[in-house]
């Protein structure tokens, strides 16, 4: 299952889709993302003349060192 999902995701390139689009765009990206390189986001934004909003210290999914752990499924408040 993991290989199948990874294979499908590896063929999806949101940067290419954004570069082809004519819709106005805002690129929001964490500068410590270890999955999608920050420079890739800046490159795509520059190709579209889109504004880049950087979330300093944020990784993929905008989690930072100060973000509390995710609650279990169905919970609405973080679990201590």
Protein backbone atom coordinates (compact mmCIF):
# COMPACT_ATOMS: atom_id res chain seq x y z
CA UNK A 1 0.00 0.00 0.00
CA UNK A 2 2.74 2.48 0.92
CA UNK A 3 4.56 1.90 -2.35
CA UNK A 4 1.37 2.36 -4.36
CA UNK A 5 0.51 5.61 -2.58
CA UNK A 6 4.08 6.92 -2.87
CA UNK A 7 4.10 6.03 -6.56
CA UNK A 8 0.91 7.97 -7.16
CA UNK A 9 2.04 10.97 -5.14
CA UNK A 10 5.43 11.06 -6.85
CA UNK A 11 3.63 11.64 -10.17
CA UNK A 12 1.64 14.59 -8.81
CA UNK A 13 3.49 17.87 -9.14
CA UNK A 14 1.45 20.82 -7.86
CA UNK A 15 4.18 23.20 -9.01
CA UNK A 16 3.69 22.22 -12.64
CA UNK A 17 -0.07 22.59 -12.33
CA UNK A 18 0.32 26.02 -10.72
CA UNK A 19 2.78 27.15 -13.39
CA UNK A 20 0.22 26.24 -16.10
CA UNK A 21 -2.69 27.98 -14.36
CA UNK A 22 -3.81 31.53 -15.06
CA UNK A 23 -5.68 31.89 -11.75
CA UNK A 24 -4.12 34.36 -9.26
CA UNK A 25 -2.11 32.50 -6.64
CA UNK A 26 -0.64 32.88 -3.18
CA UNK A 27 2.03 30.36 -2.19
CA UNK A 28 2.15 29.57 1.54
CA UNK A 29 5.14 27.48 2.62
CA UNK A 30 7.11 26.61 5.74
CA UNK A 31 10.82 27.39 5.48
CA UNK A 32 11.75 24.18 7.34
CA UNK A 33 9.69 21.80 5.21
CA UNK A 34 11.66 18.56 4.88
CA UNK A 35 9.32 17.07 2.27
CA UNK A 36 8.80 19.86 -0.29
CA UNK A 37 11.88 22.08 -0.53
CA UNK A 38 11.25 25.73 0.29
CA UNK A 39 13.20 26.80 -2.80
CA UNK A 40 10.80 24.81 -4.99
CA UNK A 41 7.90 26.86 -3.62
CA UNK A 42 9.79 30.10 -4.28
CA UNK A 43 10.63 28.97 -7.84
CA UNK A 44 7.02 28.14 -8.63
CA UNK A 45 5.81 31.42 -7.14
CA UNK A 46 8.35 33.39 -9.16
CA UNK A 47 7.27 31.65 -12.38
CA UNK A 48 3.72 32.89 -11.74
CA UNK A 49 4.67 36.23 -10.18
CA UNK A 50 2.74 35.00 -7.14
CA UNK A 51 3.29 36.28 -3.64
CA UNK A 52 5.06 33.92 -1.22
CA UNK A 53 3.93 33.86 2.40
CA UNK A 54 6.62 32.14 4.47
CA UNK A 55 5.78 30.50 7.76
CA UNK A 56 9.08 30.71 9.60
CA UNK A 57 10.14 27.59 11.45
CA UNK A 58 7.30 25.54 9.97
CA UNK A 59 7.71 22.17 8.36
CA UNK A 60 5.38 20.24 6.09
CA UNK A 61 1.78 20.84 7.16
CA UNK A 62 2.89 24.01 8.97
CA UNK A 63 3.88 22.22 12.17
CA UNK A 64 6.52 23.99 14.24
CA UNK A 65 8.48 22.97 17.29
CA UNK A 66 5.84 24.78 19.38
CA UNK A 67 2.82 23.10 17.77
CA UNK A 68 1.05 20.77 20.23
CA UNK A 69 0.69 17.13 19.17
CA UNK A 70 -2.30 16.24 17.02
CA UNK A 71 -5.32 14.97 18.94
CA UNK A 72 -6.55 11.42 18.34
CA UNK A 73 -9.18 10.94 15.62
CA UNK A 74 -12.47 12.52 16.62
CA UNK A 75 -11.01 14.68 19.40
CA UNK A 76 -11.40 18.43 19.18
CA UNK A 77 -8.86 19.55 21.78
CA UNK A 78 -5.14 18.64 22.02
CA UNK A 79 -4.37 15.87 24.48
CA UNK A 80 -1.88 16.69 27.25
